[in-house]
């Protein structure tokens, strides 16, 4: 089910936006005209990825805790110490509304 989670103009290419859907925290990333969404937790130590360093041109987030790097489009772990992917969610933008496809 597609749900509204943010306005496009709330997002920038410098700082990720942490959101909450039900009891789950997620993080939105903007890279140009594209927006990506993933669960806001490092698969290594369950630290919030939204506190990390976002590289919009490379579409990666580096965890602030131990430096694990993830691809924000696929959720794939790109560097140690993380070895597992982080779940991602499909995103679409309709009339400035950022929506994610979220199933409970």
PDB file of N, CA and C in Angstrom:
ATOM      1  N   UNK A   1       0.840  -1.165   0.000  1.00  0.00           N
ATOM      2  CA  UNK A   1       0.000   0.000   0.000  1.00  0.00           C
ATOM      3  C   UNK A   1       0.898   1.245   0.000  1.00  0.00           C
ATOM      4  N   UNK A   2       0.642   2.162  -0.883  1.00  0.00           N
ATOM      5  CA  UNK A   2       1.419   3.389  -0.976  1.00  0.00           C
ATOM      6  C   UNK A   2       0.942   4.373   0.094  1.00  0.00           C
ATOM      7  N   UNK A   3       1.889   4.898   0.878  1.00  0.00           N
ATOM      8  CA  UNK A   3       1.542   5.864   1.916  1.00  0.00           C
ATOM      9  C   UNK A   3       2.444   7.091   1.805  1.00  0.00           C
ATOM     10  N   UNK A   4       1.872   8.262   2.120  1.00  0.00           N
ATOM     11  CA  UNK A   4       2.639   9.504   2.122  1.00  0.00           C
ATOM     12  C   UNK A   4       3.540   9.536   3.355  1.00  0.00           C
ATOM     13  N   UNK A   5       4.812   9.884   3.145  1.00  0.00           N
ATOM     14  CA  UNK A   5       5.748   9.933   4.263  1.00  0.00           C
ATOM     15  C   UNK A   5       6.475  11.272   4.397  1.00  0.00           C
ATOM     16  N   UNK A   6       6.492  12.082   3.349  1.00  0.00           N
ATOM     17  CA  UNK A   6       7.188  13.373   3.401  1.00  0.00           C
ATOM     18  C   UNK A   6       6.832  14.194   2.173  1.00  0.00           C
ATOM     19  N   UNK A   7       7.195  15.457   2.217  1.00  0.00           N
ATOM     20  CA  UNK A   7       7.128  16.337   1.057  1.00  0.00           C
ATOM     21  C   UNK A   7       8.506  16.333   0.405  1.00  0.00           C
ATOM     22  N   UNK A   8       8.557  16.349  -0.910  1.00  0.00           N
ATOM     23  CA  UNK A   8       9.831  16.321  -1.617  1.00  0.00           C
ATOM     24  C   UNK A   8      10.740  17.472  -1.194  1.00  0.00           C
ATOM     25  N   UNK A   9      10.156  18.658  -0.971  1.00  0.00           N
ATOM     26  CA  UNK A   9      10.996  19.802  -0.611  1.00  0.00           C
ATOM     27  C   UNK A   9      11.548  19.726   0.817  1.00  0.00           C
ATOM     28  N   UNK A  10      11.155  18.723   1.596  1.00  0.00           N
ATOM     29  CA  UNK A  10      11.759  18.486   2.912  1.00  0.00           C
ATOM     30  C   UNK A  10      13.118  17.793   2.780  1.00  0.00           C
ATOM     31  N   UNK A  11      13.370  17.208   1.616  1.00  0.00           N
ATOM     32  CA  UNK A  11      14.594  16.422   1.410  1.00  0.00           C
ATOM     33  C   UNK A  11      15.652  17.235   0.696  1.00  0.00           C
ATOM     34  N   UNK A  12      16.901  17.006   1.096  1.00  0.00           N
ATOM     35  CA  UNK A  12      18.021  17.604   0.365  1.00  0.00           C
ATOM     36  C   UNK A  12      19.078  16.528   0.161  1.00  0.00           C
ATOM     37  N   UNK A  13      20.118  16.875  -0.554  1.00  0.00           N
ATOM     38  CA  UNK A  13      21.146  15.890  -0.893  1.00  0.00           C
ATOM     39  C   UNK A  13      22.276  15.837   0.128  1.00  0.00           C
ATOM     40  N   UNK A  14      22.108  16.508   1.254  1.00  0.00           N
ATOM     41  CA  UNK A  14      23.153  16.538   2.268  1.00  0.00           C
ATOM     42  C   UNK A  14      22.794  15.669   3.463  1.00  0.00           C
ATOM     43  N   UNK A  15      21.575  15.816   3.940  1.00  0.00           N
ATOM     44  CA  UNK A  15      21.172  15.153   5.189  1.00  0.00           C
ATOM     45  C   UNK A  15      19.979  14.237   4.931  1.00  0.00           C
ATOM     46  N   UNK A  16      20.090  12.956   5.324  1.00  0.00           N
ATOM     47  CA  UNK A  16      18.947  12.055   5.215  1.00  0.00           C
ATOM     48  C   UNK A  16      17.822  12.497   6.150  1.00  0.00           C
ATOM     49  N   UNK A  17      16.609  12.065   5.858  1.00  0.00           N
ATOM     50  CA  UNK A  17      15.453  12.398   6.681  1.00  0.00           C
ATOM     51  C   UNK A  17      14.922  11.128   7.343  1.00  0.00           C
ATOM     52  N   UNK A  18      14.942  11.116   8.670  1.00  0.00           N
ATOM     53  CA  UNK A  18      14.416   9.981   9.431  1.00  0.00           C
ATOM     54  C   UNK A  18      12.903  10.129   9.545  1.00  0.00           C
ATOM     55  N   UNK A  19      12.195   9.042   9.271  1.00  0.00           N
ATOM     56  CA  UNK A  19      10.737   9.031   9.373  1.00  0.00           C
ATOM     57  C   UNK A  19      10.312   7.812  10.190  1.00  0.00           C
ATOM     58  N   UNK A  20       9.077   7.845  10.650  1.00  0.00           N
ATOM     59  CA  UNK A  20       8.523   6.700  11.365  1.00  0.00           C
ATOM     60  C   UNK A  20       7.208   6.312  10.717  1.00  0.00           C
ATOM     61  N   UNK A  21       7.077   5.022  10.401  1.00  0.00           N
ATOM     62  CA  UNK A  21       5.843   4.457   9.880  1.00  0.00           C
ATOM     63  C   UNK A  21       5.448   3.345  10.842  1.00  0.00           C
ATOM     64  N   UNK A  22       4.295   3.529  11.464  1.00  0.00           N
ATOM     65  CA  UNK A  22       3.854   2.622  12.538  1.00  0.00           C
ATOM     66  C   UNK A  22       4.933   2.632  13.615  1.00  0.00           C
ATOM     67  N   UNK A  23       5.514   1.498  13.952  1.00  0.00           N
ATOM     68  CA  UNK A  23       6.563   1.462  14.971  1.00  0.00           C
ATOM     69  C   UNK A  23       7.948   1.194  14.371  1.00  0.00           C
ATOM     70  N   UNK A  24       8.091   1.477  13.083  1.00  0.00           N
ATOM     71  CA  UNK A  24       9.346   1.223  12.372  1.00  0.00           C
ATOM     72  C   UNK A  24       9.972   2.537  11.903  1.00  0.00           C
ATOM     73  N   UNK A  25      11.266   2.698  12.167  1.00  0.00           N
ATOM     74  CA  UNK A  25      11.986   3.878  11.690  1.00  0.00           C
ATOM     75  C   UNK A  25      12.639   3.570  10.352  1.00  0.00           C
ATOM     76  N   UNK A  26      12.529   4.545   9.441  1.00  0.00           N
ATOM     77  CA  UNK A  26      13.102   4.445   8.105  1.00  0.00           C
ATOM     78  C   UNK A  26      13.845   5.743   7.825  1.00  0.00           C
ATOM     79  N   UNK A  27      14.613   5.735   6.755  1.00  0.00           N
ATOM     80  CA  UNK A  27      15.352   6.937   6.392  1.00  0.00           C
ATOM     81  C   UNK A  27      15.209   7.164   4.890  1.00  0.00           C
ATOM     82  N   UNK A  28      14.965   8.428   4.520  1.00  0.00           N
ATOM     83  CA  UNK A  28      14.832   8.828   3.122  1.00  0.00           C
ATOM     84  C   UNK A  28      16.101   9.538   2.680  1.00  0.00           C
ATOM     85  N   UNK A  29      16.507   9.264   1.447  1.00  0.00           N
ATOM     86  CA  UNK A  29      17.693   9.869   0.856  1.00  0.00           C
ATOM     87  C   UNK A  29      17.306  10.476  -0.481  1.00  0.00           C
ATOM     88  N   UNK A  30      17.822  11.658  -0.769  1.00  0.00           N
ATOM     89  CA  UNK A  30      17.580  12.282  -2.066  1.00  0.00           C
ATOM     90  C   UNK A  30      18.883  12.359  -2.837  1.00  0.00           C
ATOM     91  N   UNK A  31      18.809  11.999  -4.119  1.00  0.00           N
ATOM     92  CA  UNK A  31      19.935  12.131  -5.031  1.00  0.00           C
ATOM     93  C   UNK A  31      19.372  12.651  -6.347  1.00  0.00           C
ATOM     94  N   UNK A  32      19.526  13.940  -6.585  1.00  0.00           N
ATOM     95  CA  UNK A  32      18.931  14.557  -7.769  1.00  0.00           C
ATOM     96  C   UNK A  32      17.422  14.465  -7.698  1.00  0.00           C
ATOM     97  N   UNK A  33      16.826  13.893  -8.735  1.00  0.00           N
ATOM     98  CA  UNK A  33      15.367  13.732  -8.776  1.00  0.00           C
ATOM     99  C   UNK A  33      14.909  12.403  -8.184  1.00  0.00           C
ATOM    100  N   UNK A  34      15.833  11.626  -7.640  1.00  0.00           N
ATOM    101  CA  UNK A  34      15.507  10.315  -7.106  1.00  0.00           C
ATOM    102  C   UNK A  34      15.473  10.347  -5.576  1.00  0.00           C
ATOM    103  N   UNK A  35      14.557   9.557  -5.006  1.00  0.00           N
ATOM    104  CA  UNK A  35      14.469   9.402  -3.559  1.00  0.00           C
ATOM    105  C   UNK A  35      14.499   7.912  -3.254  1.00  0.00           C
ATOM    106  N   UNK A  36      15.221   7.549  -2.205  1.00  0.00           N
ATOM    107  CA  UNK A  36      15.354   6.157  -1.787  1.00  0.00           C
ATOM    108  C   UNK A  36      14.951   6.041  -0.326  1.00  0.00           C
ATOM    109  N   UNK A  37      14.476   4.866   0.042  1.00  0.00           N
ATOM    110  CA  UNK A  37      14.053   4.631   1.412  1.00  0.00           C
ATOM    111  C   UNK A  37      14.584   3.281   1.882  1.00  0.00           C
ATOM    112  N   UNK A  38      15.116   3.272   3.094  1.00  0.00           N
ATOM    113  CA  UNK A  38      15.571   2.018   3.691  1.00  0.00           C
ATOM    114  C   UNK A  38      15.294   2.048   5.188  1.00  0.00           C
ATOM    115  N   UNK A  39      15.312   0.889   5.795  1.00  0.00           N
ATOM    116  CA  UNK A  39      15.146   0.816   7.243  1.00  0.00           C
ATOM    117  C   UNK A  39      16.303   1.577   7.890  1.00  0.00           C
ATOM    118  N   UNK A  40      15.997   2.315   8.946  1.00  0.00           N
ATOM    119  CA  UNK A  40      17.001   3.167   9.583  1.00  0.00           C
ATOM    120  C   UNK A  40      17.766   2.407  10.653  1.00  0.00           C
ATOM    121  N   UNK A  41      18.477   1.377  10.218  1.00  0.00           N
ATOM    122  CA  UNK A  41      19.267   0.591  11.156  1.00  0.00           C
ATOM    123  C   UNK A  41      20.409  -0.097  10.415  1.00  0.00           C
ATOM    124  N   UNK A  42      21.610   0.052  10.949  1.00  0.00           N
ATOM    125  CA  UNK A  42      22.771  -0.645  10.390  1.00  0.00           C
ATOM    126  C   UNK A  42      22.621  -2.137  10.689  1.00  0.00           C
ATOM    127  N   UNK A  43      22.874  -2.966   9.712  1.00  0.00           N
ATOM    128  CA  UNK A  43      22.729  -4.411   9.905  1.00  0.00           C
ATOM    129  C   UNK A  43      23.851  -4.992  10.772  1.00  0.00           C
ATOM    130  N   UNK A  44      24.861  -4.202  11.043  1.00  0.00           N
ATOM    131  CA  UNK A  44      25.973  -4.681  11.874  1.00  0.00           C
ATOM    132  C   UNK A  44      25.669  -4.545  13.370  1.00  0.00           C
ATOM    133  N   UNK A  45      25.311  -3.336  13.828  1.00  0.00           N
ATOM    134  CA  UNK A  45      25.104  -3.114  15.262  1.00  0.00           C
ATOM    135  C   UNK A  45      23.788  -2.402  15.580  1.00  0.00           C
ATOM    136  N   UNK A  46      22.864  -2.364  14.618  1.00  0.00           N
ATOM    137  CA  UNK A  46      21.550  -1.747  14.805  1.00  0.00           C
ATOM    138  C   UNK A  46      21.624  -0.281  15.231  1.00  0.00           C
ATOM    139  N   UNK A  47      22.602   0.438  14.708  1.00  0.00           N
ATOM    140  CA  UNK A  47      22.745   1.867  14.947  1.00  0.00           C
ATOM    141  C   UNK A  47      21.987   2.615  13.850  1.00  0.00           C
ATOM    142  N   UNK A  48      21.360   3.774  14.150  1.00  0.00           N
ATOM    143  CA  UNK A  48      20.602   4.505  13.124  1.00  0.00           C
ATOM    144  C   UNK A  48      21.481   4.983  11.961  1.00  0.00           C
ATOM    145  N   UNK A  49      21.146   4.572  10.764  1.00  0.00           N
ATOM    146  CA  UNK A  49      21.895   5.027   9.595  1.00  0.00           C
ATOM    147  C   UNK A  49      21.681   6.513   9.332  1.00  0.00           C
ATOM    148  N   UNK A  50      20.563   7.053   9.785  1.00  0.00           N
ATOM    149  CA  UNK A  50      20.288   8.479   9.583  1.00  0.00           C
ATOM    150  C   UNK A  50      21.310   9.367  10.293  1.00  0.00           C
ATOM    151  N   UNK A  51      22.061   8.814  11.246  1.00  0.00           N
ATOM    152  CA  UNK A  51      23.129   9.568  11.910  1.00  0.00           C
ATOM    153  C   UNK A  51      24.443   9.509  11.136  1.00  0.00           C
ATOM    154  N   UNK A  52      24.469   8.767  10.050  1.00  0.00           N
ATOM    155  CA  UNK A  52      25.695   8.572   9.287  1.00  0.00           C
ATOM    156  C   UNK A  52      25.969   9.667   8.277  1.00  0.00           C
ATOM    157  N   UNK A  53      26.973   9.421   7.452  1.00  0.00           N
ATOM    158  CA  UNK A  53      27.384  10.369   6.409  1.00  0.00           C
ATOM    159  C   UNK A  53      26.820   9.893   5.076  1.00  0.00           C
ATOM    160  N   UNK A  54      26.012  10.746   4.453  1.00  0.00           N
ATOM    161  CA  UNK A  54      25.383  10.416   3.172  1.00  0.00           C
ATOM    162  C   UNK A  54      26.187  11.022   2.024  1.00  0.00           C
ATOM    163  N   UNK A  55      26.447  10.199   1.012  1.00  0.00           N
ATOM    164  CA  UNK A  55      27.155  10.622  -0.200  1.00  0.00           C
ATOM    165  C   UNK A  55      26.156  10.508  -1.360  1.00  0.00           C
ATOM    166  N   UNK A  56      25.495  11.619  -1.681  1.00  0.00           N
ATOM    167  CA  UNK A  56      24.394  11.566  -2.651  1.00  0.00           C
ATOM    168  C   UNK A  56      24.851  11.165  -4.050  1.00  0.00           C
ATOM    169  N   UNK A  57      26.019  11.602  -4.469  1.00  0.00           N
ATOM    170  CA  UNK A  57      26.474  11.266  -5.826  1.00  0.00           C
ATOM    171  C   UNK A  57      26.780   9.776  -5.965  1.00  0.00           C
ATOM    172  N   UNK A  58      27.295   9.156  -4.900  1.00  0.00           N
ATOM    173  CA  UNK A  58      27.580   7.719  -4.915  1.00  0.00           C
ATOM    174  C   UNK A  58      26.377   6.892  -4.455  1.00  0.00           C
ATOM    175  N   UNK A  59      25.378   7.586  -3.917  1.00  0.00           N
ATOM    176  CA  UNK A  59      24.185   6.932  -3.372  1.00  0.00           C
ATOM    177  C   UNK A  59      24.561   5.910  -2.295  1.00  0.00           C
ATOM    178  N   UNK A  60      25.404   6.360  -1.354  1.00  0.00           N
ATOM    179  CA  UNK A  60      25.816   5.497  -0.252  1.00  0.00           C
ATOM    180  C   UNK A  60      25.651   6.228   1.079  1.00  0.00           C
ATOM    181  N   UNK A  61      25.480   5.451   2.132  1.00  0.00           N
ATOM    182  CA  UNK A  61      25.450   5.968   3.493  1.00  0.00           C
ATOM    183  C   UNK A  61      26.509   5.207   4.289  1.00  0.00           C
ATOM    184  N   UNK A  62      27.287   5.949   5.081  1.00  0.00           N
ATOM    185  CA  UNK A  62      28.297   5.342   5.935  1.00  0.00           C
ATOM    186  C   UNK A  62      27.830   5.457   7.376  1.00  0.00           C
ATOM    187  N   UNK A  63      27.724   4.331   8.037  1.00  0.00           N
ATOM    188  CA  UNK A  63      27.268   4.294   9.419  1.00  0.00           C
ATOM    189  C   UNK A  63      28.248   5.047  10.314  1.00  0.00           C
ATOM    190  N   UNK A  64      27.720   5.880  11.188  1.00  0.00           N
ATOM    191  CA  UNK A  64      28.547   6.682  12.081  1.00  0.00           C
ATOM    192  C   UNK A  64      29.192   5.848  13.189  1.00  0.00           C
ATOM    193  N   UNK A  65      28.695   4.662  13.434  1.00  0.00           N
ATOM    194  CA  UNK A  65      29.184   3.867  14.563  1.00  0.00           C
ATOM    195  C   UNK A  65      30.488   3.134  14.253  1.00  0.00           C
ATOM    196  N   UNK A  66      30.491   2.301  13.205  1.00  0.00           N
ATOM    197  CA  UNK A  66      31.698   1.540  12.865  1.00  0.00           C
ATOM    198  C   UNK A  66      32.149   1.717  11.416  1.00  0.00           C
ATOM    199  N   UNK A  67      31.475   2.585  10.660  1.00  0.00           N
ATOM    200  CA  UNK A  67      31.933   2.883   9.313  1.00  0.00           C
ATOM    201  C   UNK A  67      31.460   1.953   8.214  1.00  0.00           C
ATOM    202  N   UNK A  68      30.496   1.083   8.501  1.00  0.00           N
ATOM    203  CA  UNK A  68      29.955   0.218   7.442  1.00  0.00           C
ATOM    204  C   UNK A  68      29.264   1.087   6.399  1.00  0.00           C
ATOM    205  N   UNK A  69      29.428   0.727   5.137  1.00  0.00           N
ATOM    206  CA  UNK A  69      28.852   1.508   4.043  1.00  0.00           C
ATOM    207  C   UNK A  69      27.785   0.687   3.341  1.00  0.00           C
ATOM    208  N   UNK A  70      26.676   1.367   2.957  1.00  0.00           N
ATOM    209  CA  UNK A  70      25.547   0.712   2.303  1.00  0.00           C
ATOM    210  C   UNK A  70      25.136   1.482   1.056  1.00  0.00           C
ATOM    211  N   UNK A  71      24.670   0.746   0.053  1.00  0.00           N
ATOM    212  CA  UNK A  71      24.062   1.319  -1.141  1.00  0.00           C
ATOM    213  C   UNK A  71      22.614   1.659  -0.777  1.00  0.00           C
ATOM    214  N   UNK A  72      22.218   2.931  -0.904  1.00  0.00           N
ATOM    215  CA  UNK A  72      20.870   3.316  -0.468  1.00  0.00           C
ATOM    216  C   UNK A  72      19.777   2.850  -1.426  1.00  0.00           C
ATOM    217  N   UNK A  73      20.133   2.541  -2.653  1.00  0.00           N
ATOM    218  CA  UNK A  73      19.147   2.068  -3.627  1.00  0.00           C
ATOM    219  C   UNK A  73      18.786   0.604  -3.382  1.00  0.00           C
ATOM    220  N   UNK A  74      19.785  -0.218  -3.132  1.00  0.00           N
ATOM    221  CA  UNK A  74      19.545  -1.663  -2.965  1.00  0.00           C
ATOM    222  C   UNK A  74      19.585  -2.122  -1.512  1.00  0.00           C
ATOM    223  N   UNK A  75      20.189  -1.312  -0.632  1.00  0.00           N
ATOM    224  CA  UNK A  75      20.369  -1.715   0.753  1.00  0.00           C
ATOM    225  C   UNK A  75      21.573  -2.618   0.974  1.00  0.00           C
ATOM    226  N   UNK A  76      22.281  -2.930  -0.090  1.00  0.00           N
ATOM    227  CA  UNK A  76      23.404  -3.872  -0.029  1.00  0.00           C
ATOM    228  C   UNK A  76      24.550  -3.312   0.810  1.00  0.00           C
ATOM    229  N   UNK A  77      25.114  -4.163   1.675  1.00  0.00           N
ATOM    230  CA  UNK A  77      26.298  -3.794   2.444  1.00  0.00           C
ATOM    231  C   UNK A  77      27.492  -3.739   1.500  1.00  0.00           C
ATOM    232  N   UNK A  78      28.231  -2.640   1.539  1.00  0.00           N
ATOM    233  CA  UNK A  78      29.364  -2.440   0.634  1.00  0.00           C
ATOM    234  C   UNK A  78      30.704  -2.580   1.326  1.00  0.00           C
ATOM    235  N   UNK A  79      30.709  -2.538   2.653  1.00  0.00           N
ATOM    236  CA  UNK A  79      31.983  -2.654   3.365  1.00  0.00           C
ATOM    237  C   UNK A  79      31.770  -3.259   4.748  1.00  0.00           C
ATOM    238  N   UNK A  80      32.845  -3.820   5.257  1.00  0.00           N
ATOM    239  CA  UNK A  80      32.849  -4.379   6.600  1.00  0.00           C
ATOM    240  C   UNK A  80      32.736  -3.226   7.601  1.00  0.00           C
ATOM    241  N   UNK A  81      32.237  -3.453   8.770  1.00  0.00           N
ATOM    242  CA  UNK A  81      31.940  -4.752   9.350  1.00  0.00           C
ATOM    243  C   UNK A  81      30.563  -5.312   8.986  1.00  0.00           C
ATOM    244  N   UNK A  82      29.756  -4.588   8.239  1.00  0.00           N
ATOM    245  CA  UNK A  82      28.431  -5.102   7.852  1.00  0.00           C
ATOM    246  C   UNK A  82      28.571  -6.120   6.725  1.00  0.00           C
ATOM    247  N   UNK A  83      27.815  -7.198   6.810  1.00  0.00           N
ATOM    248  CA  UNK A  83      27.807  -8.210   5.754  1.00  0.00           C
ATOM    249  C   UNK A  83      26.393  -8.459   5.228  1.00  0.00           C
ATOM    250  N   UNK A  84      25.380  -7.969   5.953  1.00  0.00           N
ATOM    251  CA  UNK A  84      23.982  -8.173   5.551  1.00  0.00           C
ATOM    252  C   UNK A  84      23.396  -6.886   5.000  1.00  0.00           C
ATOM    253  N   UNK A  85      22.480  -7.046   4.075  1.00  0.00           N
ATOM    254  CA  UNK A  85      21.772  -5.905   3.497  1.00  0.00           C
ATOM    255  C   UNK A  85      20.771  -5.331   4.498  1.00  0.00           C
ATOM    256  N   UNK A  86      20.352  -4.106   4.222  1.00  0.00           N
ATOM    257  CA  UNK A  86      19.310  -3.432   4.982  1.00  0.00           C
ATOM    258  C   UNK A  86      18.073  -3.382   4.090  1.00  0.00           C
ATOM    259  N   UNK A  87      16.888  -3.700   4.626  1.00  0.00           N
ATOM    260  CA  UNK A  87      15.679  -3.662   3.796  1.00  0.00           C
ATOM    261  C   UNK A  87      15.417  -2.270   3.207  1.00  0.00           C
ATOM    262  N   UNK A  88      14.974  -2.264   1.947  1.00  0.00           N
ATOM    263  CA  UNK A  88      14.611  -1.030   1.254  1.00  0.00           C
ATOM    264  C   UNK A  88      13.139  -1.079   0.886  1.00  0.00           C
ATOM    265  N   UNK A  89      12.601   0.088   0.526  1.00  0.00           N
ATOM    266  CA  UNK A  89      11.188   0.202   0.178  1.00  0.00           C
ATOM    267  C   UNK A  89      11.063   0.979  -1.129  1.00  0.00           C
ATOM    268  N   UNK A  90      10.168   0.546  -2.012  1.00  0.00           N
ATOM    269  CA  UNK A  90       9.934   1.309  -3.246  1.00  0.00           C
ATOM    270  C   UNK A  90       9.415   2.709  -2.922  1.00  0.00           C
ATOM    271  N   UNK A  91       9.852   3.684  -3.712  1.00  0.00           N
ATOM    272  CA  UNK A  91       9.469   5.087  -3.513  1.00  0.00           C
ATOM    273  C   UNK A  91       8.909   5.637  -4.811  1.00  0.00           C
ATOM    274  N   UNK A  92       7.899   6.480  -4.677  1.00  0.00           N
ATOM    275  CA  UNK A  92       7.411   7.243  -5.825  1.00  0.00           C
ATOM    276  C   UNK A  92       7.080   8.651  -5.341  1.00  0.00           C
ATOM    277  N   UNK A  93       7.046   9.587  -6.291  1.00  0.00           N
ATOM    278  CA  UNK A  93       6.739  10.976  -5.972  1.00  0.00           C
ATOM    279  C   UNK A  93       5.541  11.384  -6.809  1.00  0.00           C
ATOM    280  N   UNK A  94       4.501  11.848  -6.129  1.00  0.00           N
ATOM    281  CA  UNK A  94       3.291  12.311  -6.801  1.00  0.00           C
ATOM    282  C   UNK A  94       2.946  13.686  -6.247  1.00  0.00           C
ATOM    283  N   UNK A  95       2.973  14.699  -7.117  1.00  0.00           N
ATOM    284  CA  UNK A  95       2.631  16.068  -6.717  1.00  0.00           C
ATOM    285  C   UNK A  95       3.363  16.505  -5.456  1.00  0.00           C
ATOM    286  N   UNK A  96       4.668  16.341  -5.433  1.00  0.00           N
ATOM    287  CA  UNK A  96       5.544  16.734  -4.329  1.00  0.00           C
ATOM    288  C   UNK A  96       5.417  15.837  -3.097  1.00  0.00           C
ATOM    289  N   UNK A  97       4.526  14.852  -3.126  1.00  0.00           N
ATOM    290  CA  UNK A  97       4.382  13.905  -2.009  1.00  0.00           C
ATOM    291  C   UNK A  97       5.305  12.717  -2.239  1.00  0.00           C
ATOM    292  N   UNK A  98       6.157  12.435  -1.253  1.00  0.00           N
ATOM    293  CA  UNK A  98       7.000  11.242  -1.312  1.00  0.00           C
ATOM    294  C   UNK A  98       6.205  10.109  -0.689  1.00  0.00           C
ATOM    295  N   UNK A  99       6.049   9.031  -1.440  1.00  0.00           N
ATOM    296  CA  UNK A  99       5.297   7.875  -0.971  1.00  0.00           C
ATOM    297  C   UNK A  99       6.184   6.635  -0.989  1.00  0.00           C
ATOM    298  N   UNK A 100       5.956   5.762  -0.004  1.00  0.00           N
ATOM    299  CA  UNK A 100       6.639   4.473  -0.024  1.00  0.00           C
ATOM    300  C   UNK A 100       5.597   3.373  -0.083  1.00  0.00           C
ATOM    301  N   UNK A 101       5.997   2.259  -0.654  1.00  0.00           N
ATOM    302  CA  UNK A 101       5.148   1.078  -0.709  1.00  0.00           C
ATOM    303  C   UNK A 101       5.443   0.266   0.541  1.00  0.00           C
ATOM    304  N   UNK A 102       4.516   0.300   1.494  1.00  0.00           N
ATOM    305  CA  UNK A 102       4.741  -0.300   2.812  1.00  0.00           C
ATOM    306  C   UNK A 102       3.620  -1.269   3.142  1.00  0.00           C
ATOM    307  N   UNK A 103       4.004  -2.488   3.469  1.00  0.00           N
ATOM    308  CA  UNK A 103       3.053  -3.506   3.925  1.00  0.00           C
ATOM    309  C   UNK A 103       3.330  -3.811   5.382  1.00  0.00           C
ATOM    310  N   UNK A 104       2.306  -3.859   6.176  1.00  0.00           N
ATOM    311  CA  UNK A 104       2.487  -4.175   7.601  1.00  0.00           C
ATOM    312  C   UNK A 104       2.826  -5.634   7.793  1.00  0.00           C
TER     313      UNK A 104
END
